[in-house]
Structures are given as C-alpha cells and as structure tokens.
Amino acid sequence: MLKSGILNPQVNSLLSRVRHTNSLVIADRGFPFWPEIETVDLSLVDDIPRVLEVLHAIRRNFAVGRFFMAEEFRLRNTPVVVHQFDEAMASVEVVYESHAEFRKRVPHAIGLIRTGDTTDFANVILESA
C-alpha cells in the first residue's frame, strides 16, 4: 500500500507513462474536454483541488523541463496569484503564449488532470525533462 506521494491510482498510472519530453496538462474546471487524450478528473467542488495544489504534489517526484501557460493568465489574475504560480514553477523555464497557441499543444499531451480551480486561465502544461 502506498503511504506517501501521489495516492490516486489514476494519476499514478498517468504519471508513470510520461517519458522524456512528453507533456501533461493540469487544467482548471472550465477547460474543454479533449476526447483524444486521457483525462483524470479530480474536481470535487469549486476550487477543490486547485491547480497549484496538484502542481505542488506532482513536482515532488516529476522532472519538469519546461512549463507552458497562456499569457492571458498574467493579464487576468492578481499579482499575488501570478507570484504563487511563479514560485511553484521556480527554477524551470516558463513559456507564455496565447491561449489559442496553448490549446494547440493539448492534443499532444499524454494526459490531462482536471481540477476544480476557478482561477482564470490557470492551466499548465508540464513538459518532462
């Protein structure tokens, strides 16, 4: 029995299939459904869990080479929220691009983890190192 780390079996399975330069999406509650990629839905109610909570849990044992986010995230959120994400992604390159360009990357991901987050454009693509 697992005693620590990621306890959700679906998330564990998904993470174990991400290889070098593959990507994984962590999305807010409003992110569109993508039938061509596996989705693990962790949403419970508004803001439970949040993208940041999932990101912190995954980063403990996941080698991230780059992050991708929509530039609209920085425009639509407070400096405090932006700073929280900056801290969570510290020491890794972050590529900000238009939301339209960001969404073009999604079908190439190994999978998507949906959260209950209500933060505007709080969607992150993790590219493995």
C-alpha atoms as a PDB file:
ATOM      1  CA  MET A   1       0.000   0.000   0.000  1.00  0.00           C
ATOM      2  CA  LEU A   2       1.277   3.476  -0.845  1.00  0.00           C
ATOM      3  CA  LYS A   3       1.927   5.542   2.264  1.00  0.00           C
ATOM      4  CA  SER A   4       3.031   8.829   0.714  1.00  0.00           C
ATOM      5  CA  GLY A   5       3.293  10.721  -2.535  1.00  0.00           C
ATOM      6  CA  ILE A   6       0.513  10.589  -5.116  1.00  0.00           C
ATOM      7  CA  LEU A   7      -2.128   8.229  -3.746  1.00  0.00           C
ATOM      8  CA  ASN A   8      -4.668   8.465  -6.590  1.00  0.00           C
ATOM      9  CA  PRO A   9      -4.170   5.336  -8.746  1.00  0.00           C
ATOM     10  CA  GLN A  10      -5.304   7.013 -11.972  1.00  0.00           C
ATOM     11  CA  VAL A  11      -2.902   9.924 -11.504  1.00  0.00           C
ATOM     12  CA  ASN A  12      -0.097   7.495 -10.609  1.00  0.00           C
ATOM     13  CA  SER A  13      -0.767   5.473 -13.752  1.00  0.00           C
ATOM     14  CA  LEU A  14      -0.825   8.580 -15.918  1.00  0.00           C
ATOM     15  CA  LEU A  15       2.405   9.966 -14.439  1.00  0.00           C
ATOM     16  CA  SER A  16       4.216   6.664 -14.914  1.00  0.00           C
ATOM     17  CA  ARG A  17       3.550   6.824 -18.669  1.00  0.00           C
ATOM     18  CA  VAL A  18       5.039  10.291 -19.173  1.00  0.00           C
ATOM     19  CA  ARG A  19       8.501   9.938 -20.698  1.00  0.00           C
ATOM     20  CA  HIS A  20      11.274  12.329 -21.742  1.00  0.00           C
ATOM     21  CA  THR A  21       9.814  15.435 -23.476  1.00  0.00           C
ATOM     22  CA  ASN A  22       6.227  14.137 -23.155  1.00  0.00           C
ATOM     23  CA  SER A  23       3.737  16.555 -21.697  1.00  0.00           C
ATOM     24  CA  LEU A  24       0.990  16.547 -19.106  1.00  0.00           C
ATOM     25  CA  VAL A  25      -1.781  19.125 -18.688  1.00  0.00           C
ATOM     26  CA  ILE A  26      -3.128  20.323 -15.336  1.00  0.00           C
ATOM     27  CA  ALA A  27      -6.319  22.247 -16.033  1.00  0.00           C
ATOM     28  CA  ASP A  28      -8.949  24.328 -14.305  1.00  0.00           C
ATOM     29  CA  ARG A  29     -12.589  23.273 -14.071  1.00  0.00           C
ATOM     30  CA  GLY A  30     -13.653  25.103 -17.232  1.00  0.00           C
ATOM     31  CA  PHE A  31     -11.034  23.632 -19.557  1.00  0.00           C
ATOM     32  CA  PRO A  32     -12.577  21.848 -22.561  1.00  0.00           C
ATOM     33  CA  PHE A  33     -12.794  18.074 -22.746  1.00  0.00           C
ATOM     34  CA  TRP A  34     -10.335  16.500 -25.190  1.00  0.00           C
ATOM     35  CA  PRO A  35     -11.630  13.051 -26.225  1.00  0.00           C
ATOM     36  CA  GLU A  36      -8.307  12.071 -27.781  1.00  0.00           C
ATOM     37  CA  ILE A  37      -6.340  12.214 -24.513  1.00  0.00           C
ATOM     38  CA  GLU A  38      -6.831  10.510 -21.178  1.00  0.00           C
ATOM     39  CA  THR A  39      -8.415  12.740 -18.552  1.00  0.00           C
ATOM     40  CA  VAL A  40      -8.280  12.184 -14.817  1.00  0.00           C
ATOM     41  CA  ASP A  41     -10.947  14.353 -13.215  1.00  0.00           C
ATOM     42  CA  LEU A  42     -10.112  15.354  -9.645  1.00  0.00           C
ATOM     43  CA  SER A  43     -12.661  18.175  -9.416  1.00  0.00           C
ATOM     44  CA  LEU A  44     -14.886  17.997  -6.356  1.00  0.00           C
ATOM     45  CA  VAL A  45     -16.370  21.473  -5.854  1.00  0.00           C
ATOM     46  CA  ASP A  46     -15.224  24.992  -6.767  1.00  0.00           C
ATOM     47  CA  ASP A  47     -11.503  25.342  -6.045  1.00  0.00           C
ATOM     48  CA  ILE A  48     -11.053  21.826  -4.648  1.00  0.00           C
ATOM     49  CA  PRO A  49      -8.475  20.881  -5.609  1.00  0.00           C
ATOM     50  CA  ARG A  50      -6.650  23.835  -7.149  1.00  0.00           C
ATOM     51  CA  VAL A  51      -4.135  23.614  -9.987  1.00  0.00           C
ATOM     52  CA  LEU A  52      -1.385  24.800  -7.626  1.00  0.00           C
ATOM     53  CA  GLU A  53      -2.092  22.000  -5.149  1.00  0.00           C
ATOM     54  CA  VAL A  54      -1.866  19.377  -7.886  1.00  0.00           C
ATOM     55  CA  LEU A  55       1.255  21.019  -9.316  1.00  0.00           C
ATOM     56  CA  HIS A  56       2.977  21.011  -5.908  1.00  0.00           C
ATOM     57  CA  ALA A  57       2.108  17.337  -5.374  1.00  0.00           C
ATOM     58  CA  ILE A  58       3.373  16.285  -8.802  1.00  0.00           C
ATOM     59  CA  ARG A  59       6.596  18.323  -8.713  1.00  0.00           C
ATOM     60  CA  ARG A  60       7.828  16.379  -5.679  1.00  0.00           C
ATOM     61  CA  ASN A  61       8.652  13.417  -7.921  1.00  0.00           C
ATOM     62  CA  PHE A  62       8.385  14.645 -11.509  1.00  0.00           C
ATOM     63  CA  ALA A  63      11.242  16.102 -13.575  1.00  0.00           C
ATOM     64  CA  VAL A  64       9.886  19.149 -15.408  1.00  0.00           C
ATOM     65  CA  GLY A  65      11.932  20.583 -18.283  1.00  0.00           C
ATOM     66  CA  ARG A  66       9.531  23.390 -19.248  1.00  0.00           C
ATOM     67  CA  PHE A  67       6.153  24.794 -18.356  1.00  0.00           C
ATOM     68  CA  PHE A  68       3.663  26.319 -20.785  1.00  0.00           C
ATOM     69  CA  MET A  69       0.916  28.749 -19.791  1.00  0.00           C
ATOM     70  CA  ALA A  70      -1.391  31.163 -21.570  1.00  0.00           C
ATOM     71  CA  GLU A  71      -0.201  34.756 -21.418  1.00  0.00           C
ATOM     72  CA  GLU A  72      -3.801  35.676 -20.590  1.00  0.00           C
ATOM     73  CA  PHE A  73      -3.159  34.126 -17.154  1.00  0.00           C
ATOM     74  CA  ARG A  74      -0.826  37.005 -16.225  1.00  0.00           C
ATOM     75  CA  LEU A  75      -3.256  39.603 -17.589  1.00  0.00           C
ATOM     76  CA  ARG A  76      -6.408  38.311 -15.854  1.00  0.00           C
ATOM     77  CA  ASN A  77      -5.095  37.481 -12.384  1.00  0.00           C
ATOM     78  CA  THR A  78      -3.758  39.458  -9.441  1.00  0.00           C
ATOM     79  CA  PRO A  79      -0.017  39.840  -8.842  1.00  0.00           C
ATOM     80  CA  VAL A  80      -0.413  37.600  -5.774  1.00  0.00           C
ATOM     81  CA  VAL A  81      -1.840  34.713  -7.819  1.00  0.00           C
ATOM     82  CA  VAL A  82       0.796  35.156 -10.547  1.00  0.00           C
ATOM     83  CA  HIS A  83       3.522  35.134  -7.888  1.00  0.00           C
ATOM     84  CA  GLN A  84       2.169  31.908  -6.372  1.00  0.00           C
ATOM     85  CA  PHE A  85       2.443  30.197  -9.752  1.00  0.00           C
ATOM     86  CA  ASP A  86       5.901  31.682 -10.344  1.00  0.00           C
ATOM     87  CA  GLU A  87       7.054  30.201  -7.039  1.00  0.00           C
ATOM     88  CA  ALA A  88       5.555  26.798  -7.873  1.00  0.00           C
ATOM     89  CA  MET A  89       7.382  26.761 -11.212  1.00  0.00           C
ATOM     90  CA  ALA A  90      10.659  28.162  -9.849  1.00  0.00           C
ATOM     91  CA  SER A  91      13.921  27.128 -11.488  1.00  0.00           C
ATOM     92  CA  VAL A  92      12.172  25.871 -14.645  1.00  0.00           C
ATOM     93  CA  GLU A  93      11.644  27.768 -17.895  1.00  0.00           C
ATOM     94  CA  VAL A  94       8.083  29.031 -18.342  1.00  0.00           C
ATOM     95  CA  VAL A  95       6.843  29.724 -21.862  1.00  0.00           C
ATOM     96  CA  TYR A  96       3.892  32.108 -22.021  1.00  0.00           C
ATOM     97  CA  GLU A  97       1.931  32.036 -25.262  1.00  0.00           C
ATOM     98  CA  SER A  98      -1.548  32.958 -26.413  1.00  0.00           C
ATOM     99  CA  HIS A  99      -4.329  30.747 -25.124  1.00  0.00           C
ATOM    100  CA  ALA A 100      -5.026  29.716 -28.723  1.00  0.00           C
ATOM    101  CA  GLU A 101      -1.425  28.506 -29.136  1.00  0.00           C
ATOM    102  CA  PHE A 102      -1.501  26.854 -25.724  1.00  0.00           C
ATOM    103  CA  ARG A 103      -4.572  24.837 -26.683  1.00  0.00           C
ATOM    104  CA  LYS A 104      -2.814  23.544 -29.816  1.00  0.00           C
ATOM    105  CA  ARG A 105      -0.356  21.713 -27.544  1.00  0.00           C
ATOM    106  CA  VAL A 106      -3.043  19.868 -25.584  1.00  0.00           C
ATOM    107  CA  PRO A 107      -3.825  17.022 -28.045  1.00  0.00           C
ATOM    108  CA  HIS A 108      -0.139  16.025 -27.967  1.00  0.00           C
ATOM    109  CA  ALA A 109      -0.142  15.502 -24.190  1.00  0.00           C
ATOM    110  CA  ILE A 110      -0.089  12.069 -22.595  1.00  0.00           C
ATOM    111  CA  GLY A 111      -2.986  13.134 -20.405  1.00  0.00           C
ATOM    112  CA  LEU A 112      -4.892  15.847 -18.608  1.00  0.00           C
ATOM    113  CA  ILE A 113      -5.680  16.265 -14.923  1.00  0.00           C
ATOM    114  CA  ARG A 114      -8.801  18.372 -14.368  1.00  0.00           C
ATOM    115  CA  THR A 115      -9.150  20.260 -11.102  1.00  0.00           C
ATOM    116  CA  GLY A 116     -11.895  22.333  -9.527  1.00  0.00           C
ATOM    117  CA  ASP A 117      -9.858  25.534  -9.871  1.00  0.00           C
ATOM    118  CA  THR A 118     -11.797  28.696 -10.766  1.00  0.00           C
ATOM    119  CA  THR A 119      -8.706  30.865 -11.378  1.00  0.00           C
ATOM    120  CA  ASP A 120      -8.778  32.424 -14.858  1.00  0.00           C
ATOM    121  CA  PHE A 121      -6.526  30.605 -17.339  1.00  0.00           C
ATOM    122  CA  ALA A 122      -4.912  28.532 -14.549  1.00  0.00           C
ATOM    123  CA  ASN A 123      -3.919  25.803 -16.973  1.00  0.00           C
ATOM    124  CA  VAL A 124      -0.371  24.464 -17.073  1.00  0.00           C
ATOM    125  CA  ILE A 125       1.379  22.102 -19.447  1.00  0.00           C
ATOM    126  CA  LEU A 126       4.354  20.324 -17.929  1.00  0.00           C
ATOM    127  CA  GLU A 127       6.933  19.077 -20.396  1.00  0.00           C
ATOM    128  CA  SER A 128       9.033  16.359 -18.807  1.00  0.00           C
ATOM    129  CA  ALA A 129      12.796  16.722 -18.670  1.00  0.00           C
END
